């Protein structure tokens, strides 16, 4: 079977295709379509972690709005100013017009959120061992838009994997072996399986 990268529409090399086949063979029993709406995923994450909602005029909300508009509404994005700062300023009003549900949150470094920052520090120390660099926490953020399904997690692979697992996979993901399926397998079974 030929596999194609959804981003480039190029055929995936045979080594990657063989890996996908092995993964599907190994985990076929667990491949049950189950998609959870992003709004429900965010509600569940909010129950698991101490999240602080960023104000609607925060720069992260504007960046998220712009990313969603440029990806999901390219014809509307063409009308935005070309200057990067002006483009960013115009993104939020256009997002309101398009009725986008932009949600940007930061995980607080308290309670269950501490574990994410501890993992972040350990990963930093592994990557920079012997370099003499000191760690300072990077905010763990979720920037999402629920109607398009856009979701960007920064600062924590663990949280990104949790969200990927909760979102689930569709029958189409399984049948056509999309990158969503590969990401779900990696998130559910760990990087070693991929």
C-alpha atoms as a PDB file:
ATOM      1  CA  UNK A   1       0.000   0.000   0.000  1.00  0.00           C
ATOM      2  CA  UNK A   2       1.285   3.476  -0.791  1.00  0.00           C
ATOM      3  CA  UNK A   3       1.416   6.005   2.027  1.00  0.00           C
ATOM      4  CA  UNK A   4       1.453   9.737   1.501  1.00  0.00           C
ATOM      5  CA  UNK A   5       2.563  12.542   3.770  1.00  0.00           C
ATOM      6  CA  UNK A   6      -0.526  14.689   4.375  1.00  0.00           C
ATOM      7  CA  UNK A   7       1.522  17.875   4.493  1.00  0.00           C
ATOM      8  CA  UNK A   8       3.492  17.419   1.282  1.00  0.00           C
ATOM      9  CA  UNK A   9       1.399  14.855  -0.644  1.00  0.00           C
ATOM     10  CA  UNK A  10       4.652  13.027  -1.389  1.00  0.00           C
ATOM     11  CA  UNK A  11       4.936   9.266  -1.155  1.00  0.00           C
ATOM     12  CA  UNK A  12       6.453   8.114   2.131  1.00  0.00           C
ATOM     13  CA  UNK A  13       9.601   6.034   1.666  1.00  0.00           C
ATOM     14  CA  UNK A  14       9.285   2.256   1.967  1.00  0.00           C
ATOM     15  CA  UNK A  15      11.167   2.134   5.290  1.00  0.00           C
ATOM     16  CA  UNK A  16       8.605   4.463   6.883  1.00  0.00           C
ATOM     17  CA  UNK A  17       5.745   2.552   5.253  1.00  0.00           C
ATOM     18  CA  UNK A  18       7.140  -0.729   6.660  1.00  0.00           C
ATOM     19  CA  UNK A  19       7.327   0.870  10.105  1.00  0.00           C
ATOM     20  CA  UNK A  20       3.686   1.958   9.833  1.00  0.00           C
ATOM     21  CA  UNK A  21       2.703  -1.605   8.864  1.00  0.00           C
ATOM     22  CA  UNK A  22       4.582  -3.060  11.869  1.00  0.00           C
ATOM     23  CA  UNK A  23       2.964  -0.557  14.228  1.00  0.00           C
ATOM     24  CA  UNK A  24      -0.488  -1.307  12.893  1.00  0.00           C
ATOM     25  CA  UNK A  25       0.114  -5.054  13.195  1.00  0.00           C
ATOM     26  CA  UNK A  26       1.352  -4.717  16.767  1.00  0.00           C
ATOM     27  CA  UNK A  27      -1.418  -2.390  17.929  1.00  0.00           C
ATOM     28  CA  UNK A  28      -4.331  -3.381  15.680  1.00  0.00           C
ATOM     29  CA  UNK A  29      -6.497  -4.473  18.617  1.00  0.00           C
ATOM     30  CA  UNK A  30      -6.302  -1.011  20.179  1.00  0.00           C
ATOM     31  CA  UNK A  31      -7.280   0.793  16.988  1.00  0.00           C
ATOM     32  CA  UNK A  32     -10.871   1.662  17.699  1.00  0.00           C
ATOM     33  CA  UNK A  33     -12.157   4.906  16.218  1.00  0.00           C
ATOM     34  CA  UNK A  34     -12.942   7.287  19.028  1.00  0.00           C
ATOM     35  CA  UNK A  35     -12.809  11.003  18.441  1.00  0.00           C
ATOM     36  CA  UNK A  36     -13.348  13.427  21.305  1.00  0.00           C
ATOM     37  CA  UNK A  37     -14.176  17.035  20.415  1.00  0.00           C
ATOM     38  CA  UNK A  38     -11.338  19.404  21.268  1.00  0.00           C
ATOM     39  CA  UNK A  39     -13.597  21.411  23.595  1.00  0.00           C
ATOM     40  CA  UNK A  40     -14.213  18.234  25.645  1.00  0.00           C
ATOM     41  CA  UNK A  41     -10.494  17.434  25.642  1.00  0.00           C
ATOM     42  CA  UNK A  42      -9.709  20.899  27.000  1.00  0.00           C
ATOM     43  CA  UNK A  43     -12.365  20.496  29.699  1.00  0.00           C
ATOM     44  CA  UNK A  44     -10.808  17.205  30.757  1.00  0.00           C
ATOM     45  CA  UNK A  45      -7.289  18.691  30.759  1.00  0.00           C
ATOM     46  CA  UNK A  46      -8.600  21.553  32.892  1.00  0.00           C
ATOM     47  CA  UNK A  47      -9.798  18.977  35.435  1.00  0.00           C
ATOM     48  CA  UNK A  48      -6.351  17.339  35.487  1.00  0.00           C
ATOM     49  CA  UNK A  49      -4.047  20.373  35.568  1.00  0.00           C
ATOM     50  CA  UNK A  50      -4.129  23.855  37.116  1.00  0.00           C
ATOM     51  CA  UNK A  51      -4.777  26.002  34.023  1.00  0.00           C
ATOM     52  CA  UNK A  52      -4.753  29.785  33.896  1.00  0.00           C
ATOM     53  CA  UNK A  53      -6.836  31.224  31.060  1.00  0.00           C
ATOM     54  CA  UNK A  54      -4.890  33.903  29.163  1.00  0.00           C
ATOM     55  CA  UNK A  55      -6.813  37.136  28.471  1.00  0.00           C
ATOM     56  CA  UNK A  56      -8.403  37.366  24.998  1.00  0.00           C
ATOM     57  CA  UNK A  57      -6.082  40.220  24.005  1.00  0.00           C
ATOM     58  CA  UNK A  58      -2.916  38.267  24.949  1.00  0.00           C
ATOM     59  CA  UNK A  59      -0.280  37.941  22.218  1.00  0.00           C
ATOM     60  CA  UNK A  60      -0.669  34.137  22.343  1.00  0.00           C
ATOM     61  CA  UNK A  61      -4.356  34.476  21.438  1.00  0.00           C
ATOM     62  CA  UNK A  62      -3.477  36.736  18.516  1.00  0.00           C
ATOM     63  CA  UNK A  63      -0.802  34.306  17.289  1.00  0.00           C
ATOM     64  CA  UNK A  64      -3.230  31.406  17.570  1.00  0.00           C
ATOM     65  CA  UNK A  65      -5.921  33.346  15.708  1.00  0.00           C
ATOM     66  CA  UNK A  66      -3.474  34.208  12.929  1.00  0.00           C
ATOM     67  CA  UNK A  67      -2.261  30.599  12.615  1.00  0.00           C
ATOM     68  CA  UNK A  68      -5.838  29.318  12.368  1.00  0.00           C
ATOM     69  CA  UNK A  69      -6.901  31.990   9.870  1.00  0.00           C
ATOM     70  CA  UNK A  70      -3.880  31.398   7.634  1.00  0.00           C
ATOM     71  CA  UNK A  71      -4.405  27.633   7.715  1.00  0.00           C
ATOM     72  CA  UNK A  72      -8.178  27.193   7.688  1.00  0.00           C
ATOM     73  CA  UNK A  73      -9.297  30.447   6.040  1.00  0.00           C
ATOM     74  CA  UNK A  74      -6.592  31.345   3.490  1.00  0.00           C
ATOM     75  CA  UNK A  75      -8.996  33.466   1.424  1.00  0.00           C
ATOM     76  CA  UNK A  76      -9.675  35.638   4.488  1.00  0.00           C
ATOM     77  CA  UNK A  77      -5.985  35.714   5.386  1.00  0.00           C
ATOM     78  CA  UNK A  78      -5.286  37.290   1.982  1.00  0.00           C
ATOM     79  CA  UNK A  79      -7.148  40.404   3.160  1.00  0.00           C
ATOM     80  CA  UNK A  80      -4.970  40.862   6.245  1.00  0.00           C
ATOM     81  CA  UNK A  81      -2.163  43.455   6.118  1.00  0.00           C
ATOM     82  CA  UNK A  82       1.202  42.170   4.924  1.00  0.00           C
ATOM     83  CA  UNK A  83       3.193  43.880   7.679  1.00  0.00           C
ATOM     84  CA  UNK A  84       3.736  41.184  10.374  1.00  0.00           C
ATOM     85  CA  UNK A  85       2.786  43.394  13.338  1.00  0.00           C
ATOM     86  CA  UNK A  86      -0.291  44.838  11.616  1.00  0.00           C
ATOM     87  CA  UNK A  87      -1.264  41.332  10.478  1.00  0.00           C
ATOM     88  CA  UNK A  88      -1.112  40.082  14.060  1.00  0.00           C
ATOM     89  CA  UNK A  89      -3.149  43.080  15.283  1.00  0.00           C
ATOM     90  CA  UNK A  90      -5.833  42.392  12.658  1.00  0.00           C
ATOM     91  CA  UNK A  91      -6.059  38.666  13.432  1.00  0.00           C
ATOM     92  CA  UNK A  92      -8.152  38.892  16.619  1.00  0.00           C
ATOM     93  CA  UNK A  93     -10.920  41.091  15.166  1.00  0.00           C
ATOM     94  CA  UNK A  94     -11.113  38.786  12.132  1.00  0.00           C
ATOM     95  CA  UNK A  95     -11.224  35.756  14.450  1.00  0.00           C
ATOM     96  CA  UNK A  96     -14.243  37.321  16.184  1.00  0.00           C
ATOM     97  CA  UNK A  97     -15.918  37.920  12.819  1.00  0.00           C
ATOM     98  CA  UNK A  98     -15.285  34.284  11.869  1.00  0.00           C
ATOM     99  CA  UNK A  99     -16.614  33.241  15.310  1.00  0.00           C
ATOM    100  CA  UNK A 100     -13.478  31.319  16.165  1.00  0.00           C
ATOM    101  CA  UNK A 101     -13.292  29.877  19.670  1.00  0.00           C
ATOM    102  CA  UNK A 102      -9.711  30.764  20.632  1.00  0.00           C
ATOM    103  CA  UNK A 103      -8.542  29.343  23.955  1.00  0.00           C
ATOM    104  CA  UNK A 104      -5.051  29.937  25.295  1.00  0.00           C
ATOM    105  CA  UNK A 105      -4.077  28.630  28.704  1.00  0.00           C
ATOM    106  CA  UNK A 106      -0.935  28.249  30.780  1.00  0.00           C
ATOM    107  CA  UNK A 107      -0.326  25.403  33.180  1.00  0.00           C
ATOM    108  CA  UNK A 108       0.498  26.780  36.606  1.00  0.00           C
ATOM    109  CA  UNK A 109       3.675  25.457  38.235  1.00  0.00           C
ATOM    110  CA  UNK A 110       1.612  24.232  41.215  1.00  0.00           C
ATOM    111  CA  UNK A 111      -0.082  20.975  42.202  1.00  0.00           C
ATOM    112  CA  UNK A 112      -0.189  18.560  39.241  1.00  0.00           C
ATOM    113  CA  UNK A 113       1.403  21.180  36.978  1.00  0.00           C
ATOM    114  CA  UNK A 114       4.709  20.856  38.880  1.00  0.00           C
ATOM    115  CA  UNK A 115       5.348  17.452  37.303  1.00  0.00           C
ATOM    116  CA  UNK A 116       5.324  18.980  33.808  1.00  0.00           C
ATOM    117  CA  UNK A 117       7.906  21.594  34.780  1.00  0.00           C
ATOM    118  CA  UNK A 118      10.050  18.966  36.523  1.00  0.00           C
ATOM    119  CA  UNK A 119      10.016  16.877  33.312  1.00  0.00           C
ATOM    120  CA  UNK A 120      10.873  19.997  31.318  1.00  0.00           C
ATOM    121  CA  UNK A 121      13.881  20.659  33.546  1.00  0.00           C
ATOM    122  CA  UNK A 122      15.069  17.031  33.325  1.00  0.00           C
ATOM    123  CA  UNK A 123      14.818  17.104  29.510  1.00  0.00           C
ATOM    124  CA  UNK A 124      16.761  20.393  29.403  1.00  0.00           C
ATOM    125  CA  UNK A 125      19.499  18.957  31.608  1.00  0.00           C
ATOM    126  CA  UNK A 126      19.771  15.834  29.412  1.00  0.00           C
ATOM    127  CA  UNK A 127      20.072  17.931  26.245  1.00  0.00           C
ATOM    128  CA  UNK A 128      22.579  20.399  27.654  1.00  0.00           C
ATOM    129  CA  UNK A 129      24.674  18.151  29.915  1.00  0.00           C
ATOM    130  CA  UNK A 130      28.211  19.503  30.165  1.00  0.00           C
ATOM    131  CA  UNK A 131      27.411  22.827  28.475  1.00  0.00           C
ATOM    132  CA  UNK A 132      27.157  24.863  31.680  1.00  0.00           C
ATOM    133  CA  UNK A 133      23.720  26.243  30.810  1.00  0.00           C
ATOM    134  CA  UNK A 134      21.174  26.903  33.516  1.00  0.00           C
ATOM    135  CA  UNK A 135      17.498  26.068  33.158  1.00  0.00           C
ATOM    136  CA  UNK A 136      14.722  28.581  33.468  1.00  0.00           C
ATOM    137  CA  UNK A 137      11.136  27.363  33.079  1.00  0.00           C
ATOM    138  CA  UNK A 138       9.404  27.810  29.749  1.00  0.00           C
ATOM    139  CA  UNK A 139       5.660  28.338  30.191  1.00  0.00           C
ATOM    140  CA  UNK A 140       3.648  25.220  29.440  1.00  0.00           C
ATOM    141  CA  UNK A 141       0.859  26.472  27.172  1.00  0.00           C
ATOM    142  CA  UNK A 142      -2.109  25.163  25.275  1.00  0.00           C
ATOM    143  CA  UNK A 143      -3.230  27.371  22.391  1.00  0.00           C
ATOM    144  CA  UNK A 144      -6.324  26.019  20.667  1.00  0.00           C
ATOM    145  CA  UNK A 145      -9.284  26.817  18.454  1.00  0.00           C
ATOM    146  CA  UNK A 146     -12.105  24.361  18.975  1.00  0.00           C
ATOM    147  CA  UNK A 147     -14.115  24.604  15.729  1.00  0.00           C
ATOM    148  CA  UNK A 148     -11.132  23.823  13.472  1.00  0.00           C
ATOM    149  CA  UNK A 149      -9.407  21.489  15.926  1.00  0.00           C
ATOM    150  CA  UNK A 150      -6.194  23.524  15.926  1.00  0.00           C
ATOM    151  CA  UNK A 151      -4.151  22.801  19.042  1.00  0.00           C
ATOM    152  CA  UNK A 152      -0.555  23.719  19.834  1.00  0.00           C
ATOM    153  CA  UNK A 153       1.084  22.644  23.081  1.00  0.00           C
ATOM    154  CA  UNK A 154       4.424  24.150  24.062  1.00  0.00           C
ATOM    155  CA  UNK A 155       6.720  23.310  26.938  1.00  0.00           C
ATOM    156  CA  UNK A 156       5.567  19.736  27.614  1.00  0.00           C
ATOM    157  CA  UNK A 157       5.666  16.631  25.453  1.00  0.00           C
ATOM    158  CA  UNK A 158       3.739  14.789  28.173  1.00  0.00           C
ATOM    159  CA  UNK A 159       0.816  17.217  27.944  1.00  0.00           C
ATOM    160  CA  UNK A 160       0.913  17.190  24.135  1.00  0.00           C
ATOM    161  CA  UNK A 161       0.796  13.378  24.170  1.00  0.00           C
ATOM    162  CA  UNK A 162      -2.078  13.383  26.679  1.00  0.00           C
ATOM    163  CA  UNK A 163      -4.105  15.691  24.440  1.00  0.00           C
ATOM    164  CA  UNK A 164      -3.291  13.591  21.350  1.00  0.00           C
ATOM    165  CA  UNK A 165      -4.470  10.421  23.129  1.00  0.00           C
ATOM    166  CA  UNK A 166      -7.670  12.059  24.361  1.00  0.00           C
ATOM    167  CA  UNK A 167      -8.509  13.427  20.913  1.00  0.00           C
ATOM    168  CA  UNK A 168      -8.383   9.926  19.484  1.00  0.00           C
ATOM    169  CA  UNK A 169      -8.454   8.744  15.894  1.00  0.00           C
ATOM    170  CA  UNK A 170     -11.095   8.401  13.202  1.00  0.00           C
ATOM    171  CA  UNK A 171     -11.916   5.447  10.968  1.00  0.00           C
ATOM    172  CA  UNK A 172     -10.383   7.435   8.089  1.00  0.00           C
ATOM    173  CA  UNK A 173      -7.147   7.884  10.087  1.00  0.00           C
ATOM    174  CA  UNK A 174      -6.949   4.111  10.529  1.00  0.00           C
ATOM    175  CA  UNK A 175      -7.941   3.177   6.975  1.00  0.00           C
ATOM    176  CA  UNK A 176      -5.675   5.677   5.220  1.00  0.00           C
ATOM    177  CA  UNK A 177      -2.936   5.638   7.869  1.00  0.00           C
ATOM    178  CA  UNK A 178      -2.764   9.375   8.310  1.00  0.00           C
ATOM    179  CA  UNK A 179      -0.118  11.301  10.268  1.00  0.00           C
ATOM    180  CA  UNK A 180      -2.796  11.678  12.981  1.00  0.00           C
ATOM    181  CA  UNK A 181      -2.736   7.889  13.433  1.00  0.00           C
ATOM    182  CA  UNK A 182       1.069   7.809  13.648  1.00  0.00           C
ATOM    183  CA  UNK A 183       1.056  10.664  16.186  1.00  0.00           C
ATOM    184  CA  UNK A 184      -1.624   8.870  18.218  1.00  0.00           C
ATOM    185  CA  UNK A 185       0.365   5.596  18.227  1.00  0.00           C
ATOM    186  CA  UNK A 186       3.507   7.453  19.316  1.00  0.00           C
ATOM    187  CA  UNK A 187       1.646   9.346  22.040  1.00  0.00           C
ATOM    188  CA  UNK A 188      -0.146   6.250  23.321  1.00  0.00           C
ATOM    189  CA  UNK A 189       2.709   3.749  23.165  1.00  0.00           C
ATOM    190  CA  UNK A 190       5.767   5.996  23.447  1.00  0.00           C
ATOM    191  CA  UNK A 191       8.466   7.199  21.094  1.00  0.00           C
ATOM    192  CA  UNK A 192      10.148   3.785  21.144  1.00  0.00           C
ATOM    193  CA  UNK A 193       7.290   2.225  19.200  1.00  0.00           C
ATOM    194  CA  UNK A 194       7.812   4.686  16.363  1.00  0.00           C
END
